[in-house]
């Protein structure tokens, strides 16, 4: 609980991105999706996404949940590919392995990753369902 409170306080005082816009995007997720069946991936920053589950109620695949010790080297290398902190582009694998069917993104973060690591996320198989003030939410297309 203290860790969640710390992260929320950090984001309230952060200049990384507009908190009001972030809150609107997470509020959209909270109102539109079911925590029993949906899983969220946050591509909004290079650090962890602890606050995602707290704000949306949807379980998140967060960087802090991953370690070589707890998940094994194979999963760690598959998720962080090609270089930490970049997360895998294999969104189909994330869906099969962890049930990820929602992704929240922040455009400046995606651009930063592209500029610094020449890595572009591909959202094949996902549809953009929310877009406002540089935040987007993608939902996995039903097959």
N, C-alpha and C. Protein backbone atom coordinates (compact mmCIF):
# COMPACT_ATOMS: atom_id res chain seq x y z
N UNK A 1 0.83 -1.19 0.00
CA UNK A 1 0.00 0.00 0.00
C UNK A 1 0.88 1.26 0.00
N UNK A 2 1.94 1.24 0.80
CA UNK A 2 2.84 2.40 0.83
C UNK A 2 3.51 2.61 -0.52
N UNK A 3 3.85 1.52 -1.18
CA UNK A 3 4.48 1.62 -2.49
C UNK A 3 3.52 2.23 -3.51
N UNK A 4 2.26 1.83 -3.47
CA UNK A 4 1.26 2.42 -4.36
C UNK A 4 1.10 3.92 -4.07
N UNK A 5 1.02 4.28 -2.81
CA UNK A 5 0.87 5.69 -2.44
C UNK A 5 2.09 6.49 -2.88
N UNK A 6 3.27 5.92 -2.72
CA UNK A 6 4.48 6.59 -3.15
C UNK A 6 4.44 6.85 -4.65
N UNK A 7 4.04 5.84 -5.42
CA UNK A 7 3.99 5.99 -6.88
C UNK A 7 2.97 7.03 -7.31
N UNK A 8 1.82 7.06 -6.66
CA UNK A 8 0.80 8.06 -6.99
C UNK A 8 1.36 9.46 -6.68
N UNK A 9 1.98 9.62 -5.52
CA UNK A 9 2.56 10.92 -5.17
C UNK A 9 3.63 11.33 -6.17
N UNK A 10 4.41 10.37 -6.61
CA UNK A 10 5.46 10.65 -7.59
C UNK A 10 4.85 11.17 -8.89
N UNK A 11 3.74 10.59 -9.30
CA UNK A 11 3.12 11.02 -10.55
C UNK A 11 2.38 12.35 -10.40
N UNK A 12 1.87 12.63 -9.23
CA UNK A 12 1.21 13.91 -9.01
C UNK A 12 2.22 15.05 -9.19
N UNK A 13 3.44 14.83 -8.76
CA UNK A 13 4.45 15.87 -8.83
C UNK A 13 5.38 15.73 -10.04
N UNK A 14 5.11 14.76 -10.87
CA UNK A 14 5.96 14.51 -12.04
C UNK A 14 5.65 15.49 -13.17
N UNK A 15 6.69 15.82 -13.91
CA UNK A 15 6.50 16.65 -15.10
C UNK A 15 6.65 15.78 -16.34
N UNK A 16 6.68 14.48 -16.16
CA UNK A 16 6.85 13.56 -17.28
C UNK A 16 5.69 13.68 -18.26
N UNK A 17 4.49 13.73 -17.75
CA UNK A 17 3.31 13.88 -18.60
C UNK A 17 2.18 14.50 -17.80
N UNK A 18 1.19 15.07 -18.51
CA UNK A 18 0.10 15.76 -17.81
C UNK A 18 -0.76 14.78 -16.99
N UNK A 19 -0.77 14.98 -15.71
CA UNK A 19 -1.51 14.08 -14.82
C UNK A 19 -3.00 14.06 -15.13
N UNK A 20 -3.59 15.21 -15.43
CA UNK A 20 -5.03 15.27 -15.71
C UNK A 20 -5.37 14.37 -16.91
N UNK A 21 -4.56 14.43 -17.96
CA UNK A 21 -4.80 13.61 -19.14
C UNK A 21 -4.61 12.12 -18.83
N UNK A 22 -3.60 11.82 -18.02
CA UNK A 22 -3.36 10.44 -17.61
C UNK A 22 -4.55 9.91 -16.81
N UNK A 23 -5.07 10.73 -15.91
CA UNK A 23 -6.22 10.31 -15.10
C UNK A 23 -7.45 10.07 -15.98
N UNK A 24 -7.66 10.90 -17.00
CA UNK A 24 -8.79 10.69 -17.91
C UNK A 24 -8.65 9.37 -18.66
N UNK A 25 -7.44 9.06 -19.11
CA UNK A 25 -7.22 7.81 -19.84
C UNK A 25 -7.44 6.60 -18.94
N UNK A 26 -6.92 6.65 -17.71
CA UNK A 26 -7.12 5.51 -16.80
C UNK A 26 -8.57 5.42 -16.35
N UNK A 27 -9.24 6.54 -16.24
CA UNK A 27 -10.66 6.53 -15.89
C UNK A 27 -11.49 5.87 -17.01
N UNK A 28 -11.12 6.14 -18.26
CA UNK A 28 -11.79 5.49 -19.39
C UNK A 28 -11.65 3.96 -19.28
N UNK A 29 -10.46 3.50 -18.95
CA UNK A 29 -10.23 2.06 -18.82
C UNK A 29 -11.05 1.50 -17.67
N UNK A 30 -11.01 2.18 -16.53
CA UNK A 30 -11.73 1.71 -15.34
C UNK A 30 -13.22 1.55 -15.61
N UNK A 31 -13.80 2.51 -16.34
CA UNK A 31 -15.24 2.48 -16.61
C UNK A 31 -15.63 1.52 -17.73
N UNK A 32 -14.70 1.20 -18.61
CA UNK A 32 -15.04 0.45 -19.82
C UNK A 32 -14.67 -1.03 -19.78
N UNK A 33 -13.84 -1.45 -18.85
CA UNK A 33 -13.34 -2.82 -18.90
C UNK A 33 -13.51 -3.54 -17.57
N UNK A 34 -13.37 -4.87 -17.61
CA UNK A 34 -13.66 -5.75 -16.50
C UNK A 34 -12.36 -6.30 -15.89
N UNK A 35 -12.12 -6.07 -14.60
CA UNK A 35 -10.89 -6.57 -13.99
C UNK A 35 -10.81 -8.09 -13.91
N UNK A 36 -11.93 -8.77 -14.05
CA UNK A 36 -11.92 -10.23 -14.00
C UNK A 36 -11.44 -10.87 -15.29
N UNK A 37 -11.59 -10.15 -16.42
CA UNK A 37 -11.25 -10.77 -17.70
C UNK A 37 -10.21 -9.99 -18.51
N UNK A 38 -9.90 -8.76 -18.14
CA UNK A 38 -8.99 -7.94 -18.93
C UNK A 38 -7.63 -7.81 -18.25
N UNK A 39 -6.58 -7.62 -19.07
CA UNK A 39 -5.21 -7.41 -18.58
C UNK A 39 -4.61 -6.25 -19.35
N UNK A 40 -3.86 -5.39 -18.65
CA UNK A 40 -3.36 -4.13 -19.18
C UNK A 40 -1.84 -4.10 -19.26
N UNK A 41 -1.34 -3.55 -20.35
CA UNK A 41 0.09 -3.26 -20.50
C UNK A 41 0.24 -1.76 -20.63
N UNK A 42 1.13 -1.16 -19.86
CA UNK A 42 1.34 0.28 -19.93
C UNK A 42 2.63 0.60 -20.66
N UNK A 43 2.51 1.33 -21.74
CA UNK A 43 3.68 1.83 -22.48
C UNK A 43 3.66 3.35 -22.37
N UNK A 44 3.89 3.82 -21.15
CA UNK A 44 3.82 5.26 -20.91
C UNK A 44 5.12 5.82 -20.37
N UNK A 45 6.03 4.95 -19.94
CA UNK A 45 7.28 5.38 -19.37
C UNK A 45 8.23 4.20 -19.32
N UNK A 46 9.50 4.48 -19.07
CA UNK A 46 10.47 3.39 -19.04
C UNK A 46 10.48 2.66 -17.70
N UNK A 47 9.92 3.28 -16.68
CA UNK A 47 9.88 2.63 -15.37
C UNK A 47 8.68 1.71 -15.23
N UNK A 48 8.34 1.39 -14.02
CA UNK A 48 7.25 0.48 -13.76
C UNK A 48 5.90 1.16 -13.94
N UNK A 49 4.87 0.34 -13.98
CA UNK A 49 3.51 0.84 -14.15
C UNK A 49 2.66 0.38 -12.97
N UNK A 50 3.20 0.55 -11.75
CA UNK A 50 2.49 0.16 -10.53
C UNK A 50 1.11 0.80 -10.45
N UNK A 51 1.06 2.09 -10.76
CA UNK A 51 -0.18 2.84 -10.56
C UNK A 51 -1.28 2.42 -11.50
N UNK A 52 -0.95 1.69 -12.56
CA UNK A 52 -1.96 1.27 -13.54
C UNK A 52 -3.08 0.46 -12.92
N UNK A 53 -2.72 -0.56 -12.15
CA UNK A 53 -3.74 -1.40 -11.54
C UNK A 53 -4.51 -0.65 -10.47
N UNK A 54 -3.83 0.18 -9.72
CA UNK A 54 -4.49 0.97 -8.68
C UNK A 54 -5.52 1.92 -9.28
N UNK A 55 -5.16 2.57 -10.39
CA UNK A 55 -6.05 3.57 -10.98
C UNK A 55 -7.15 2.98 -11.86
N UNK A 56 -6.88 1.85 -12.49
CA UNK A 56 -7.85 1.28 -13.42
C UNK A 56 -8.62 0.11 -12.83
N UNK A 57 -8.05 -0.55 -11.86
CA UNK A 57 -8.66 -1.77 -11.32
C UNK A 57 -8.36 -2.98 -12.19
N UNK A 58 -7.66 -2.79 -13.30
CA UNK A 58 -7.33 -3.88 -14.22
C UNK A 58 -5.92 -4.38 -13.90
N UNK A 59 -5.72 -5.69 -13.73
CA UNK A 59 -4.38 -6.21 -13.48
C UNK A 59 -3.43 -5.82 -14.62
N UNK A 60 -2.20 -5.42 -14.25
CA UNK A 60 -1.23 -4.92 -15.22
C UNK A 60 0.00 -5.81 -15.30
N UNK A 61 0.56 -5.88 -16.48
CA UNK A 61 1.87 -6.48 -16.66
C UNK A 61 2.85 -5.35 -16.40
N UNK A 62 3.47 -5.37 -15.23
CA UNK A 62 4.35 -4.27 -14.83
C UNK A 62 5.78 -4.75 -14.76
N UNK A 63 6.69 -3.88 -15.10
CA UNK A 63 8.11 -4.23 -15.10
C UNK A 63 8.56 -4.75 -13.74
N UNK A 64 8.02 -4.20 -12.67
CA UNK A 64 8.45 -4.60 -11.34
C UNK A 64 8.05 -6.04 -11.02
N UNK A 65 7.09 -6.59 -11.73
CA UNK A 65 6.69 -7.97 -11.49
C UNK A 65 7.65 -8.96 -12.13
N UNK A 66 8.60 -8.44 -12.88
CA UNK A 66 9.52 -9.30 -13.62
C UNK A 66 10.90 -9.29 -12.99
N UNK A 67 11.47 -10.45 -12.86
CA UNK A 67 12.87 -10.56 -12.51
C UNK A 67 13.35 -11.91 -13.03
N UNK A 68 14.63 -12.02 -13.25
CA UNK A 68 15.18 -13.28 -13.74
C UNK A 68 14.90 -14.38 -12.72
N UNK A 69 14.96 -14.03 -11.43
CA UNK A 69 14.75 -15.03 -10.38
C UNK A 69 13.32 -15.55 -10.36
N UNK A 70 12.34 -14.65 -10.46
CA UNK A 70 10.94 -15.08 -10.31
C UNK A 70 10.33 -15.61 -11.61
N UNK A 71 10.79 -15.13 -12.75
CA UNK A 71 10.18 -15.54 -14.00
C UNK A 71 11.07 -16.41 -14.87
N UNK A 72 12.33 -16.47 -14.56
CA UNK A 72 13.25 -17.25 -15.37
C UNK A 72 13.83 -16.41 -16.49
N UNK A 73 15.01 -16.76 -16.89
CA UNK A 73 15.72 -15.97 -17.89
C UNK A 73 15.02 -15.95 -19.24
N UNK A 74 14.38 -17.05 -19.63
CA UNK A 74 13.72 -17.10 -20.94
C UNK A 74 12.59 -16.08 -21.03
N UNK A 75 11.72 -16.02 -20.01
CA UNK A 75 10.63 -15.05 -20.04
C UNK A 75 11.16 -13.63 -19.96
N UNK A 76 12.17 -13.40 -19.12
CA UNK A 76 12.75 -12.07 -19.01
C UNK A 76 13.28 -11.61 -20.36
N UNK A 77 14.04 -12.45 -21.03
CA UNK A 77 14.61 -12.09 -22.33
C UNK A 77 13.54 -11.91 -23.40
N UNK A 78 12.48 -12.68 -23.33
CA UNK A 78 11.40 -12.55 -24.31
C UNK A 78 10.63 -11.24 -24.11
N UNK A 79 10.38 -10.88 -22.85
CA UNK A 79 9.61 -9.68 -22.56
C UNK A 79 10.42 -8.42 -22.84
N UNK A 80 11.67 -8.39 -22.39
CA UNK A 80 12.53 -7.23 -22.62
C UNK A 80 13.41 -7.50 -23.82
N UNK A 81 12.89 -7.22 -24.95
CA UNK A 81 13.61 -7.47 -26.19
C UNK A 81 13.43 -6.26 -27.09
N UNK A 82 14.42 -5.72 -27.71
CA UNK A 82 15.80 -6.20 -27.75
C UNK A 82 16.68 -5.73 -26.60
N UNK A 83 16.30 -4.65 -25.91
CA UNK A 83 17.16 -4.14 -24.84
C UNK A 83 16.29 -3.51 -23.75
N UNK A 84 16.62 -3.78 -22.50
CA UNK A 84 15.90 -3.20 -21.37
C UNK A 84 16.02 -1.69 -21.45
N UNK A 85 15.01 -0.87 -21.26
CA UNK A 85 13.69 -1.16 -20.73
C UNK A 85 12.63 -1.37 -21.79
N UNK A 86 13.03 -1.64 -23.02
CA UNK A 86 12.04 -1.79 -24.08
C UNK A 86 11.32 -3.12 -23.91
N UNK A 87 10.01 -3.05 -23.99
CA UNK A 87 9.21 -4.26 -23.87
C UNK A 87 9.00 -4.86 -25.25
N UNK A 88 8.71 -6.12 -25.28
CA UNK A 88 8.59 -6.85 -26.54
C UNK A 88 7.56 -6.24 -27.48
N UNK A 89 7.79 -6.42 -28.75
CA UNK A 89 6.84 -6.03 -29.78
C UNK A 89 5.87 -7.17 -30.07
N UNK A 90 6.13 -8.33 -29.49
CA UNK A 90 5.31 -9.50 -29.77
C UNK A 90 4.06 -9.46 -28.88
N UNK A 91 3.11 -8.61 -29.29
CA UNK A 91 1.90 -8.42 -28.49
C UNK A 91 1.01 -9.66 -28.50
N UNK A 92 1.10 -10.45 -29.56
CA UNK A 92 0.35 -11.70 -29.62
C UNK A 92 0.85 -12.66 -28.54
N UNK A 93 2.17 -12.71 -28.35
CA UNK A 93 2.75 -13.54 -27.29
C UNK A 93 2.29 -13.04 -25.91
N UNK A 94 2.30 -11.71 -25.71
CA UNK A 94 1.84 -11.17 -24.43
C UNK A 94 0.39 -11.53 -24.15
N UNK A 95 -0.41 -11.56 -25.21
CA UNK A 95 -1.81 -11.95 -25.03
C UNK A 95 -1.92 -13.43 -24.66
N UNK A 96 -1.20 -14.27 -25.37
CA UNK A 96 -1.27 -15.72 -25.10
C UNK A 96 -0.68 -16.07 -23.74
N UNK A 97 0.45 -15.45 -23.40
CA UNK A 97 1.16 -15.80 -22.17
C UNK A 97 0.53 -15.19 -20.92
N UNK A 98 0.05 -13.94 -21.02
CA UNK A 98 -0.41 -13.22 -19.84
C UNK A 98 -1.82 -12.64 -19.97
N UNK A 99 -2.46 -12.84 -21.11
CA UNK A 99 -3.82 -12.37 -21.30
C UNK A 99 -3.93 -10.88 -21.57
N UNK A 100 -2.85 -10.22 -21.97
CA UNK A 100 -2.88 -8.77 -22.24
C UNK A 100 -3.81 -8.50 -23.42
N UNK A 101 -4.88 -7.75 -23.15
CA UNK A 101 -5.80 -7.38 -24.23
C UNK A 101 -6.04 -5.87 -24.27
N UNK A 102 -5.38 -5.11 -23.37
CA UNK A 102 -5.46 -3.65 -23.36
C UNK A 102 -4.05 -3.07 -23.25
N UNK A 103 -3.83 -1.97 -23.95
CA UNK A 103 -2.54 -1.28 -23.87
C UNK A 103 -2.83 0.20 -23.75
N UNK A 104 -2.19 0.84 -22.77
CA UNK A 104 -2.27 2.30 -22.67
C UNK A 104 -0.90 2.84 -23.07
N UNK A 105 -0.90 3.87 -23.92
CA UNK A 105 0.36 4.44 -24.40
C UNK A 105 0.37 5.95 -24.20
N UNK A 106 1.58 6.47 -24.16
CA UNK A 106 1.81 7.91 -24.12
C UNK A 106 2.74 8.22 -25.29
N UNK A 107 2.25 8.98 -26.27
CA UNK A 107 2.97 9.20 -27.53
C UNK A 107 4.41 9.70 -27.34
N UNK A 108 4.68 10.69 -26.47
CA UNK A 108 6.07 11.13 -26.31
C UNK A 108 7.01 10.02 -25.83
N UNK A 109 6.51 9.09 -25.00
CA UNK A 109 7.34 7.96 -24.57
C UNK A 109 7.67 7.07 -25.77
N UNK A 110 6.66 6.76 -26.59
CA UNK A 110 6.90 5.91 -27.77
C UNK A 110 7.89 6.58 -28.72
N UNK A 111 7.78 7.89 -28.88
CA UNK A 111 8.72 8.62 -29.74
C UNK A 111 10.13 8.62 -29.15
N UNK A 112 10.22 8.74 -27.83
CA UNK A 112 11.52 8.71 -27.16
C UNK A 112 12.21 7.36 -27.37
N UNK A 113 11.45 6.29 -27.24
CA UNK A 113 12.00 4.95 -27.45
C UNK A 113 12.46 4.78 -28.90
N UNK A 114 11.69 5.34 -29.82
CA UNK A 114 12.08 5.26 -31.23
C UNK A 114 13.38 6.03 -31.48
N UNK A 115 13.47 7.24 -30.93
CA UNK A 115 14.67 8.05 -31.12
C UNK A 115 15.89 7.44 -30.44
N UNK A 116 15.72 6.95 -29.22
CA UNK A 116 16.87 6.48 -28.45
C UNK A 116 17.30 5.05 -28.79
N UNK A 117 16.34 4.19 -29.19
CA UNK A 117 16.66 2.78 -29.43
C UNK A 117 16.26 2.29 -30.83
N UNK A 118 15.72 3.20 -31.65
CA UNK A 118 15.24 2.84 -32.98
C UNK A 118 14.26 1.66 -32.92
N UNK A 119 13.39 1.72 -31.94
CA UNK A 119 12.43 0.64 -31.70
C UNK A 119 11.02 1.23 -31.82
N UNK A 120 10.25 0.69 -32.71
CA UNK A 120 8.88 1.17 -32.90
C UNK A 120 7.90 0.04 -32.52
N UNK A 121 6.99 0.38 -31.63
CA UNK A 121 5.97 -0.59 -31.25
C UNK A 121 4.95 -0.74 -32.37
N UNK A 122 4.59 -1.98 -32.66
CA UNK A 122 3.57 -2.27 -33.67
C UNK A 122 2.32 -2.78 -32.93
N UNK A 123 1.20 -2.22 -33.27
CA UNK A 123 -0.04 -2.59 -32.58
C UNK A 123 -0.92 -3.44 -33.48
N UNK A 124 -0.29 -4.32 -34.25
CA UNK A 124 -1.04 -5.25 -35.10
C UNK A 124 -1.94 -6.10 -34.22
N UNK A 125 -3.18 -6.25 -34.63
CA UNK A 125 -4.13 -7.04 -33.86
C UNK A 125 -4.82 -6.25 -32.76
N UNK A 126 -4.52 -4.97 -32.65
CA UNK A 126 -5.15 -4.10 -31.66
C UNK A 126 -5.82 -2.94 -32.38
N UNK A 127 -6.90 -2.45 -31.80
CA UNK A 127 -7.63 -1.31 -32.34
C UNK A 127 -7.56 -0.17 -31.33
N UNK A 128 -7.31 1.03 -31.81
CA UNK A 128 -7.28 2.20 -30.93
C UNK A 128 -8.73 2.54 -30.55
N UNK A 129 -9.04 2.51 -29.25
CA UNK A 129 -10.40 2.78 -28.78
C UNK A 129 -10.50 4.09 -28.01
N UNK A 130 -9.35 4.70 -27.72
CA UNK A 130 -9.33 5.96 -26.99
C UNK A 130 -8.09 6.72 -27.43
N UNK A 131 -8.25 8.01 -27.67
CA UNK A 131 -7.10 8.84 -28.01
C UNK A 131 -7.42 10.27 -27.60
N UNK A 132 -6.63 10.80 -26.68
CA UNK A 132 -6.84 12.17 -26.23
C UNK A 132 -5.56 12.69 -25.60
N UNK A 133 -5.13 13.86 -26.07
CA UNK A 133 -3.98 14.55 -25.48
C UNK A 133 -2.75 13.65 -25.32
N UNK A 134 -2.41 12.95 -26.38
CA UNK A 134 -1.21 12.12 -26.47
C UNK A 134 -1.29 10.80 -25.72
N UNK A 135 -2.42 10.49 -25.10
CA UNK A 135 -2.64 9.18 -24.50
C UNK A 135 -3.56 8.38 -25.41
N UNK A 136 -3.27 7.10 -25.54
CA UNK A 136 -4.13 6.22 -26.35
C UNK A 136 -4.35 4.92 -25.60
N UNK A 137 -5.49 4.30 -25.87
CA UNK A 137 -5.79 2.98 -25.34
C UNK A 137 -6.11 2.09 -26.54
N UNK A 138 -5.47 0.94 -26.57
CA UNK A 138 -5.69 -0.04 -27.62
C UNK A 138 -6.34 -1.27 -27.02
N UNK A 139 -7.25 -1.85 -27.77
CA UNK A 139 -7.94 -3.06 -27.35
C UNK A 139 -7.65 -4.16 -28.38
N UNK A 140 -7.41 -5.35 -27.90
CA UNK A 140 -7.14 -6.47 -28.80
C UNK A 140 -8.39 -6.79 -29.62
N UNK A 141 -8.19 -6.94 -30.91
CA UNK A 141 -9.30 -7.28 -31.81
C UNK A 141 -9.72 -8.71 -31.54
N UNK A 142 -11.00 -8.96 -31.56
CA UNK A 142 -11.52 -10.32 -31.36
C UNK A 142 -11.29 -11.10 -32.64
N UNK A 143 -10.77 -12.31 -32.49
CA UNK A 143 -10.51 -13.14 -33.68
C UNK A 143 -11.49 -14.29 -33.74
